[in-house]
PDB file of all heavy atoms in Angstrom:
ATOM      1  N   LEU A   1     195.436 201.154 238.918  1.00  0.00           N
ATOM      2  CA  LEU A   1     195.601 201.024 237.413  1.00  0.00           C
ATOM      3  C   LEU A   1     196.251 199.760 237.025  1.00  0.00           C
ATOM      4  O   LEU A   1     195.969 199.147 236.029  1.00  0.00           O
ATOM      5  CB  LEU A   1     196.439 202.239 236.873  1.00  0.00           C
ATOM      6  CG  LEU A   1     195.698 203.534 236.933  1.00  0.00           C
ATOM      7  CD1 LEU A   1     196.624 204.640 236.344  1.00  0.00           C
ATOM      8  CD2 LEU A   1     194.401 203.551 236.171  1.00  0.00           C
ATOM      9  N   GLY A   2     197.115 199.238 237.912  1.00  0.00           N
ATOM     10  CA  GLY A   2     197.775 197.921 237.634  1.00  0.00           C
ATOM     11  C   GLY A   2     196.784 196.828 237.632  1.00  0.00           C
ATOM     12  O   GLY A   2     196.774 195.959 236.765  1.00  0.00           O
ATOM     13  N   TYR A   3     195.810 196.845 238.639  1.00  0.00           N
ATOM     14  CA  TYR A   3     194.783 195.775 238.672  1.00  0.00           C
ATOM     15  C   TYR A   3     193.924 195.941 237.432  1.00  0.00           C
ATOM     16  O   TYR A   3     193.453 194.871 236.860  1.00  0.00           O
ATOM     17  CB  TYR A   3     193.880 195.941 239.932  1.00  0.00           C
ATOM     18  CG  TYR A   3     194.663 195.764 241.199  1.00  0.00           C
ATOM     19  CD1 TYR A   3     194.387 196.552 242.375  1.00  0.00           C
ATOM     20  CD2 TYR A   3     195.642 194.725 241.344  1.00  0.00           C
ATOM     21  CE1 TYR A   3     195.094 196.340 243.530  1.00  0.00           C
ATOM     22  CE2 TYR A   3     196.315 194.580 242.520  1.00  0.00           C
ATOM     23  CZ  TYR A   3     196.042 195.408 243.611  1.00  0.00           C
ATOM     24  OH  TYR A   3     196.757 195.193 244.785  1.00  0.00           O
ATOM     25  N   LEU A   4     193.602 197.117 237.013  1.00  0.00           N
ATOM     26  CA  LEU A   4     192.719 197.255 235.822  1.00  0.00           C
ATOM     27  C   LEU A   4     193.378 196.894 234.556  1.00  0.00           C
ATOM     28  O   LEU A   4     192.714 196.438 233.631  1.00  0.00           O
ATOM     29  CB  LEU A   4     192.245 198.827 235.803  1.00  0.00           C
ATOM     30  CG  LEU A   4     191.373 199.279 236.928  1.00  0.00           C
ATOM     31  CD1 LEU A   4     191.152 200.790 236.764  1.00  0.00           C
ATOM     32  CD2 LEU A   4     190.039 198.506 237.034  1.00  0.00           C
ATOM     33  N   MET A   5     194.673 197.042 234.464  1.00  0.00           N
ATOM     34  CA  MET A   5     195.389 196.781 233.219  1.00  0.00           C
ATOM     35  C   MET A   5     195.555 195.294 233.008  1.00  0.00           C
ATOM     36  O   MET A   5     195.719 194.822 231.863  1.00  0.00           O
ATOM     37  CB  MET A   5     196.710 197.543 233.166  1.00  0.00           C
ATOM     38  CG  MET A   5     196.632 199.010 233.173  1.00  0.00           C
ATOM     39  SD  MET A   5     195.839 199.644 231.630  1.00  0.00           S
ATOM     40  CE  MET A   5     197.072 199.344 230.426  1.00  0.00           C
ATOM     41  N   LEU A   6     195.632 194.548 234.119  1.00  0.00           N
ATOM     42  CA  LEU A   6     195.917 193.081 233.986  1.00  0.00           C
ATOM     43  C   LEU A   6     194.906 192.383 233.074  1.00  0.00           C
ATOM     44  O   LEU A   6     195.344 191.638 232.163  1.00  0.00           O
ATOM     45  CB  LEU A   6     195.925 192.452 235.309  1.00  0.00           C
ATOM     46  CG  LEU A   6     197.233 192.667 236.174  1.00  0.00           C
ATOM     47  CD1 LEU A   6     197.153 192.078 237.570  1.00  0.00           C
ATOM     48  CD2 LEU A   6     198.457 192.085 235.475  1.00  0.00           C
ATOM     49  N   PRO A   7     193.606 192.504 233.323  1.00  0.00           N
ATOM     50  CA  PRO A   7     192.644 191.799 232.404  1.00  0.00           C
ATOM     51  C   PRO A   7     192.711 192.317 230.949  1.00  0.00           C
ATOM     52  O   PRO A   7     192.464 191.599 230.000  1.00  0.00           O
ATOM     53  CB  PRO A   7     191.287 192.048 233.055  1.00  0.00           C
ATOM     54  CG  PRO A   7     191.456 193.272 233.899  1.00  0.00           C
ATOM     55  CD  PRO A   7     192.858 193.195 234.381  1.00  0.00           C
ATOM     56  N   VAL A   8     193.028 193.637 230.882  1.00  0.00           N
ATOM     57  CA  VAL A   8     193.112 194.175 229.469  1.00  0.00           C
ATOM     58  C   VAL A   8     194.246 193.582 228.689  1.00  0.00           C
ATOM     59  O   VAL A   8     194.134 193.123 227.564  1.00  0.00           O
ATOM     60  CB  VAL A   8     193.318 195.768 229.547  1.00  0.00           C
ATOM     61  CG1 VAL A   8     193.582 196.389 228.107  1.00  0.00           C
ATOM     62  CG2 VAL A   8     192.121 196.401 230.170  1.00  0.00           C
ATOM     63  N   PHE A   9     195.450 193.535 229.296  1.00  0.00           N
ATOM     64  CA  PHE A   9     196.630 192.899 228.635  1.00  0.00           C
ATOM     65  C   PHE A   9     196.313 191.384 228.436  1.00  0.00           C
ATOM     66  O   PHE A   9     196.842 190.857 227.466  1.00  0.00           O
ATOM     67  CB  PHE A   9     197.827 193.117 229.486  1.00  0.00           C
ATOM     68  CG  PHE A   9     198.403 194.520 229.420  1.00  0.00           C
ATOM     69  CD1 PHE A   9     198.658 195.245 230.532  1.00  0.00           C
ATOM     70  CD2 PHE A   9     198.572 195.170 228.061  1.00  0.00           C
ATOM     71  CE1 PHE A   9     199.169 196.515 230.416  1.00  0.00           C
ATOM     72  CE2 PHE A   9     199.140 196.441 228.038  1.00  0.00           C
ATOM     73  CZ  PHE A   9     199.345 197.141 229.212  1.00  0.00           C
ATOM     74  N   HIS A  10     195.657 190.706 229.343  1.00  0.00           N
ATOM     75  CA  HIS A  10     195.362 189.307 229.169  1.00  0.00           C
ATOM     76  C   HIS A  10     194.507 189.103 228.036  1.00  0.00           C
ATOM     77  O   HIS A  10     194.778 188.180 227.135  1.00  0.00           O
ATOM     78  CB  HIS A  10     194.705 188.830 230.417  1.00  0.00           C
ATOM     79  CG  HIS A  10     194.287 187.377 230.330  1.00  0.00           C
ATOM     80  ND1 HIS A  10     195.249 186.361 230.262  1.00  0.00           N
ATOM     81  CD2 HIS A  10     193.095 186.780 230.364  1.00  0.00           C
ATOM     82  CE1 HIS A  10     194.669 185.231 230.177  1.00  0.00           C
ATOM     83  NE2 HIS A  10     193.361 185.401 230.267  1.00  0.00           N
ATOM     84  N   LEU A  11     193.463 189.927 227.824  1.00  0.00           N
ATOM     85  CA  LEU A  11     192.580 189.777 226.665  1.00  0.00           C
ATOM     86  C   LEU A  11     193.262 190.069 225.381  1.00  0.00           C
ATOM     87  O   LEU A  11     192.946 189.479 224.298  1.00  0.00           O
ATOM     88  CB  LEU A  11     191.373 190.746 226.733  1.00  0.00           C
ATOM     89  CG  LEU A  11     190.361 190.433 227.906  1.00  0.00           C
ATOM     90  CD1 LEU A  11     189.267 191.531 228.015  1.00  0.00           C
ATOM     91  CD2 LEU A  11     189.709 189.044 227.616  1.00  0.00           C
ATOM     92  N   LEU A  12     194.284 190.917 225.405  1.00  0.00           N
ATOM     93  CA  LEU A  12     195.092 191.212 224.164  1.00  0.00           C
ATOM     94  C   LEU A  12     196.192 190.192 223.933  1.00  0.00           C
ATOM     95  O   LEU A  12     196.914 190.349 222.936  1.00  0.00           O
ATOM     96  CB  LEU A  12     195.683 192.677 224.278  1.00  0.00           C
ATOM     97  CG  LEU A  12     194.679 193.779 224.307  1.00  0.00           C
ATOM     98  CD1 LEU A  12     195.409 195.117 224.588  1.00  0.00           C
ATOM     99  CD2 LEU A  12     193.923 193.914 222.983  1.00  0.00           C
ATOM    100  N   GLY A  13     196.237 189.280 224.820  1.00  0.00           N
ATOM    101  CA  GLY A  13     197.265 188.191 224.639  1.00  0.00           C
ATOM    102  C   GLY A  13     198.697 188.657 224.916  1.00  0.00           C
ATOM    103  O   GLY A  13     199.663 188.022 224.492  1.00  0.00           O
ATOM    104  N   LEU A  14     198.821 189.724 225.690  1.00  0.00           N
ATOM    105  CA  LEU A  14     200.174 190.209 226.000  1.00  0.00           C
ATOM    106  C   LEU A  14     200.661 189.911 227.406  1.00  0.00           C
ATOM    107  O   LEU A  14     201.808 190.214 227.771  1.00  0.00           O
ATOM    108  CB  LEU A  14     200.146 191.811 225.869  1.00  0.00           C
ATOM    109  CG  LEU A  14     199.813 192.370 224.420  1.00  0.00           C
ATOM    110  CD1 LEU A  14     199.674 193.818 224.542  1.00  0.00           C
ATOM    111  CD2 LEU A  14     200.892 191.937 223.431  1.00  0.00           C
ATOM    112  N   LEU A  15     199.864 189.270 228.165  1.00  0.00           N
ATOM    113  CA  LEU A  15     200.172 188.978 229.541  1.00  0.00           C
ATOM    114  C   LEU A  15     200.708 187.567 229.703  1.00  0.00           C
ATOM    115  O   LEU A  15     200.088 186.577 229.302  1.00  0.00           O
ATOM    116  CB  LEU A  15     198.943 189.158 230.420  1.00  0.00           C
ATOM    117  CG  LEU A  15     199.094 188.932 231.919  1.00  0.00           C
ATOM    118  CD1 LEU A  15     199.990 189.975 232.515  1.00  0.00           C
ATOM    119  CD2 LEU A  15     197.759 188.941 232.604  1.00  0.00           C
ATOM    120  N   ASN A  16     201.844 187.538 230.335  1.00  0.00           N
ATOM    121  CA  ASN A  16     202.429 186.257 230.779  1.00  0.00           C
ATOM    122  C   ASN A  16     201.829 185.849 232.153  1.00  0.00           C
ATOM    123  O   ASN A  16     202.147 186.476 233.158  1.00  0.00           O
ATOM    124  CB  ASN A  16     203.906 186.345 230.842  1.00  0.00           C
ATOM    125  CG  ASN A  16     204.629 185.006 231.230  1.00  0.00           C
ATOM    126  OD1 ASN A  16     204.053 184.185 232.020  1.00  0.00           O
ATOM    127  ND2 ASN A  16     205.755 184.738 230.651  1.00  0.00           N
ATOM    128  N   LEU A  17     200.770 184.985 232.087  1.00  0.00           N
ATOM    129  CA  LEU A  17     200.010 184.739 233.296  1.00  0.00           C
ATOM    130  C   LEU A  17     200.894 184.189 234.460  1.00  0.00           C
ATOM    131  O   LEU A  17     200.645 184.581 235.556  1.00  0.00           O
ATOM    132  CB  LEU A  17     198.875 183.806 232.929  1.00  0.00           C
ATOM    133  CG  LEU A  17     197.838 183.564 233.988  1.00  0.00           C
ATOM    134  CD1 LEU A  17     197.232 184.932 234.403  1.00  0.00           C
ATOM    135  CD2 LEU A  17     196.750 182.576 233.596  1.00  0.00           C
ATOM    136  N   GLU A  18     201.767 183.288 234.087  1.00  0.00           N
ATOM    137  CA  GLU A  18     202.597 182.696 235.166  1.00  0.00           C
ATOM    138  C   GLU A  18     203.465 183.770 235.810  1.00  0.00           C
ATOM    139  O   GLU A  18     203.619 183.759 237.078  1.00  0.00           O
ATOM    140  CB  GLU A  18     203.492 181.624 234.593  1.00  0.00           C
ATOM    141  CG  GLU A  18     202.736 180.337 234.117  1.00  0.00           C
ATOM    142  CD  GLU A  18     203.675 179.259 233.526  1.00  0.00           C
ATOM    143  OE1 GLU A  18     204.956 179.555 233.580  1.00  0.00           O
ATOM    144  OE2 GLU A  18     203.142 178.195 233.141  1.00  0.00           O
ATOM    145  N   PHE A  19     204.024 184.677 235.042  1.00  0.00           N
ATOM    146  CA  PHE A  19     204.848 185.728 235.603  1.00  0.00           C
ATOM    147  C   PHE A  19     204.002 186.681 236.458  1.00  0.00           C
ATOM    148  O   PHE A  19     204.397 187.028 237.585  1.00  0.00           O
ATOM    149  CB  PHE A  19     205.481 186.525 234.440  1.00  0.00           C
ATOM    150  CG  PHE A  19     206.241 187.752 234.939  1.00  0.00           C
ATOM    151  CD1 PHE A  19     207.546 187.666 235.443  1.00  0.00           C
ATOM    152  CD2 PHE A  19     205.591 189.068 234.882  1.00  0.00           C
ATOM    153  CE1 PHE A  19     208.177 188.783 235.836  1.00  0.00           C
ATOM    154  CE2 PHE A  19     206.266 190.116 235.442  1.00  0.00           C
ATOM    155  CZ  PHE A  19     207.605 190.021 235.855  1.00  0.00           C
ATOM    156  N   ALA A  20     202.783 187.022 235.978  1.00  0.00           N
ATOM    157  CA  ALA A  20     201.900 187.900 236.733  1.00  0.00           C
ATOM    158  C   ALA A  20     201.511 187.294 238.077  1.00  0.00           C
ATOM    159  O   ALA A  20     201.523 187.945 239.177  1.00  0.00           O
ATOM    160  CB  ALA A  20     200.614 188.246 235.965  1.00  0.00           C
ATOM    161  N   LEU A  21     201.140 185.964 238.109  1.00  0.00           N
ATOM    162  CA  LEU A  21     200.828 185.373 239.280  1.00  0.00           C
ATOM    163  C   LEU A  21     201.936 185.212 240.310  1.00  0.00           C
ATOM    164  O   LEU A  21     201.789 185.451 241.486  1.00  0.00           O
ATOM    165  CB  LEU A  21     200.202 183.929 239.023  1.00  0.00           C
ATOM    166  CG  LEU A  21     198.853 183.901 238.300  1.00  0.00           C
ATOM    167  CD1 LEU A  21     198.452 182.456 237.985  1.00  0.00           C
ATOM    168  CD2 LEU A  21     197.784 184.563 239.187  1.00  0.00           C
ATOM    169  N   LEU A  22     203.111 184.984 239.753  1.00  0.00           N
ATOM    170  CA  LEU A  22     204.351 184.833 240.587  1.00  0.00           C
ATOM    171  C   LEU A  22     204.654 186.161 241.184  1.00  0.00           C
ATOM    172  O   LEU A  22     204.992 186.312 242.373  1.00  0.00           O
ATOM    173  CB  LEU A  22     205.503 184.314 239.789  1.00  0.00           C
ATOM    174  CG  LEU A  22     206.795 184.117 240.561  1.00  0.00           C
ATOM    175  CD1 LEU A  22     206.715 183.163 241.690  1.00  0.00           C
ATOM    176  CD2 LEU A  22     207.977 183.719 239.597  1.00  0.00           C
ATOM    177  N   TYR A  23     204.603 187.256 240.362  1.00  0.00           N
ATOM    178  CA  TYR A  23     204.877 188.558 240.887  1.00  0.00           C
ATOM    179  C   TYR A  23     203.864 188.987 241.926  1.00  0.00           C
ATOM    180  O   TYR A  23     204.237 189.544 242.963  1.00  0.00           O
ATOM    181  CB  TYR A  23     204.842 189.571 239.698  1.00  0.00           C
ATOM    182  CG  TYR A  23     205.181 191.007 240.170  1.00  0.00           C
ATOM    183  CD1 TYR A  23     206.410 191.405 240.360  1.00  0.00           C
ATOM    184  CD2 TYR A  23     204.127 191.914 240.333  1.00  0.00           C
ATOM    185  CE1 TYR A  23     206.675 192.709 240.764  1.00  0.00           C
ATOM    186  CE2 TYR A  23     204.426 193.181 240.722  1.00  0.00           C
ATOM    187  CZ  TYR A  23     205.700 193.586 240.981  1.00  0.00           C
ATOM    188  OH  TYR A  23     205.963 194.866 241.332  1.00  0.00           O
ATOM    189  N   LEU A  24     202.552 188.686 241.635  1.00  0.00           N
ATOM    190  CA  LEU A  24     201.522 189.024 242.676  1.00  0.00           C
ATOM    191  C   LEU A  24     201.791 188.250 243.960  1.00  0.00           C
ATOM    192  O   LEU A  24     201.698 188.896 245.058  1.00  0.00           O
ATOM    193  CB  LEU A  24     200.200 188.681 242.120  1.00  0.00           C
ATOM    194  CG  LEU A  24     198.907 188.991 242.979  1.00  0.00           C
ATOM    195  CD1 LEU A  24     198.890 190.486 243.250  1.00  0.00           C
ATOM    196  CD2 LEU A  24     197.659 188.500 242.318  1.00  0.00           C
ATOM    197  N   LEU A  25     202.169 186.974 243.846  1.00  0.00           N
ATOM    198  CA  LEU A  25     202.449 186.229 245.061  1.00  0.00           C
ATOM    199  C   LEU A  25     203.623 186.818 245.834  1.00  0.00           C
ATOM    200  O   LEU A  25     203.545 186.886 247.099  1.00  0.00           O
ATOM    201  CB  LEU A  25     202.728 184.844 244.660  1.00  0.00           C
ATOM    202  CG  LEU A  25     203.008 183.745 245.829  1.00  0.00           C
ATOM    203  CD1 LEU A  25     201.734 183.677 246.649  1.00  0.00           C
ATOM    204  CD2 LEU A  25     203.372 182.379 245.259  1.00  0.00           C
ATOM    205  N   LEU A  26     204.658 187.169 245.159  1.00  0.00           N
ATOM    206  CA  LEU A  26     205.808 187.778 245.842  1.00  0.00           C
ATOM    207  C   LEU A  26     205.452 189.137 246.532  1.00  0.00           C
ATOM    208  O   LEU A  26     205.937 189.417 247.609  1.00  0.00           O
ATOM    209  CB  LEU A  26     206.931 187.994 244.840  1.00  0.00           C
ATOM    210  CG  LEU A  26     207.678 186.731 244.400  1.00  0.00           C
ATOM    211  CD1 LEU A  26     208.652 187.013 243.227  1.00  0.00           C
ATOM    212  CD2 LEU A  26     208.374 185.975 245.505  1.00  0.00           C
ATOM    213  N   ALA A  27     204.695 189.950 245.837  1.00  0.00           N
ATOM    214  CA  ALA A  27     204.297 191.231 246.352  1.00  0.00           C
ATOM    215  C   ALA A  27     203.466 191.095 247.577  1.00  0.00           C
ATOM    216  O   ALA A  27     203.635 191.740 248.628  1.00  0.00           O
ATOM    217  CB  ALA A  27     203.527 192.042 245.295  1.00  0.00           C
ATOM    218  N   VAL A  28     202.479 190.240 247.543  1.00  0.00           N
ATOM    219  CA  VAL A  28     201.624 189.932 248.707  1.00  0.00           C
ATOM    220  C   VAL A  28     202.438 189.343 249.850  1.00  0.00           C
ATOM    221  O   VAL A  28     202.300 189.741 250.998  1.00  0.00           O
ATOM    222  CB  VAL A  28     200.380 188.970 248.306  1.00  0.00           C
ATOM    223  CG1 VAL A  28     199.705 188.564 249.549  1.00  0.00           C
ATOM    224  CG2 VAL A  28     199.495 189.740 247.387  1.00  0.00           C
ATOM    225  N   GLY A  29     203.310 188.361 249.475  1.00  0.00           N
ATOM    226  CA  GLY A  29     204.204 187.718 250.463  1.00  0.00           C
ATOM    227  C   GLY A  29     205.065 188.735 251.210  1.00  0.00           C
ATOM    228  O   GLY A  29     205.225 188.617 252.405  1.00  0.00           O
ATOM    229  N   TYR A  30     205.626 189.717 250.474  1.00  0.00           N
ATOM    230  CA  TYR A  30     206.455 190.687 251.099  1.00  0.00           C
ATOM    231  C   TYR A  30     205.746 191.594 252.014  1.00  0.00           C
ATOM    232  O   TYR A  30     206.186 191.905 253.150  1.00  0.00           O
ATOM    233  CB  TYR A  30     207.175 191.516 249.975  1.00  0.00           C
ATOM    234  CG  TYR A  30     208.293 192.421 250.473  1.00  0.00           C
ATOM    235  CD1 TYR A  30     209.506 191.876 250.946  1.00  0.00           C
ATOM    236  CD2 TYR A  30     208.075 193.775 250.626  1.00  0.00           C
ATOM    237  CE1 TYR A  30     210.538 192.675 251.362  1.00  0.00           C
ATOM    238  CE2 TYR A  30     209.099 194.556 251.106  1.00  0.00           C
ATOM    239  CZ  TYR A  30     210.327 194.009 251.482  1.00  0.00           C
ATOM    240  OH  TYR A  30     211.310 194.835 251.919  1.00  0.00           O
ATOM    241  N   GLY A  31     204.430 191.930 251.615  1.00  0.00           N
ATOM    242  CA  GLY A  31     203.631 192.757 252.466  1.00  0.00           C
ATOM    243  C   GLY A  31     203.283 191.980 253.785  1.00  0.00           C
ATOM    244  O   GLY A  31     203.234 192.521 254.857  1.00  0.00           O
ATOM    245  N   VAL A  32     203.013 190.674 253.660  1.00  0.00           N
ATOM    246  CA  VAL A  32     202.718 189.857 254.815  1.00  0.00           C
ATOM    247  C   VAL A  32     203.919 189.797 255.776  1.00  0.00           C
ATOM    248  O   VAL A  32     203.821 189.870 256.942  1.00  0.00           O
ATOM    249  CB  VAL A  32     202.304 188.401 254.347  1.00  0.00           C
ATOM    250  CG1 VAL A  32     202.284 187.471 255.541  1.00  0.00           C
ATOM    251  CG2 VAL A  32     200.955 188.505 253.640  1.00  0.00           C
ATOM    252  N   LEU A  33     205.107 189.695 255.154  1.00  0.00           N
ATOM    253  CA  LEU A  33     206.384 189.592 255.957  1.00  0.00           C
ATOM    254  C   LEU A  33     206.512 190.912 256.756  1.00  0.00           C
ATOM    255  O   LEU A  33     206.821 190.836 257.979  1.00  0.00           O
ATOM    256  CB  LEU A  33     207.511 189.432 255.039  1.00  0.00           C
ATOM    257  CG  LEU A  33     208.937 189.433 255.689  1.00  0.00           C
ATOM    258  CD1 LEU A  33     208.997 188.306 256.721  1.00  0.00           C
ATOM    259  CD2 LEU A  33     210.082 189.348 254.753  1.00  0.00           C
ATOM    260  N   LEU A  34     206.250 192.039 256.151  1.00  0.00           N
ATOM    261  CA  LEU A  34     206.340 193.288 256.914  1.00  0.00           C
ATOM    262  C   LEU A  34     205.322 193.378 258.014  1.00  0.00           C
ATOM    263  O   LEU A  34     205.605 193.857 259.115  1.00  0.00           O
ATOM    264  CB  LEU A  34     206.227 194.460 255.938  1.00  0.00           C
ATOM    265  CG  LEU A  34     207.349 194.665 254.869  1.00  0.00           C
ATOM    266  CD1 LEU A  34     207.030 195.781 253.929  1.00  0.00           C
ATOM    267  CD2 LEU A  34     208.691 194.933 255.607  1.00  0.00           C
ATOM    268  N   SER A  35     204.143 192.966 257.728  1.00  0.00           N
ATOM    269  CA  SER A  35     203.081 193.025 258.711  1.00  0.00           C
ATOM    270  C   SER A  35     203.408 192.085 259.908  1.00  0.00           C
ATOM    271  O   SER A  35     203.140 192.443 261.040  1.00  0.00           O
ATOM    272  CB  SER A  35     201.722 192.648 258.129  1.00  0.00           C
ATOM    273  OG  SER A  35     201.356 193.602 257.138  1.00  0.00           O
ATOM    274  N   GLN A  36     203.924 190.940 259.600  1.00  0.00           N
ATOM    275  CA  GLN A  36     204.335 189.913 260.577  1.00  0.00           C
ATOM    276  C   GLN A  36     205.381 190.527 261.475  1.00  0.00           C
ATOM    277  O   GLN A  36     205.447 190.398 262.689  1.00  0.00           O
ATOM    278  CB  GLN A  36     204.807 188.583 259.941  1.00  0.00           C
ATOM    279  CG  GLN A  36     203.751 187.919 259.208  1.00  0.00           C
ATOM    280  CD  GLN A  36     203.044 186.851 260.095  1.00  0.00           C
ATOM    281  OE1 GLN A  36     203.370 186.743 261.259  1.00  0.00           O
ATOM    282  NE2 GLN A  36     202.134 186.111 259.475  1.00  0.00           N
ATOM    283  N   LEU A  37     206.348 191.229 260.884  1.00  0.00           N
ATOM    284  CA  LEU A  37     207.452 191.865 261.631  1.00  0.00           C
ATOM    285  C   LEU A  37     206.854 192.913 262.528  1.00  0.00           C
ATOM    286  O   LEU A  37     207.280 193.009 263.731  1.00  0.00           O
ATOM    287  CB  LEU A  37     208.448 192.425 260.609  1.00  0.00           C
ATOM    288  CG  LEU A  37     209.663 193.105 261.234  1.00  0.00           C
ATOM    289  CD1 LEU A  37     210.482 192.150 262.073  1.00  0.00           C
ATOM    290  CD2 LEU A  37     210.517 193.758 260.098  1.00  0.00           C
TER     291      LEU A  37
END
């Protein structure tokens, strides 16, 4: 649902794109760290 809501909020002009990309990068990076461990 999070993935589906992102484009919806973006089209409505409610999405801070820089924040969303940074958050996504941190989430993916943390998952990579756990996998590496």
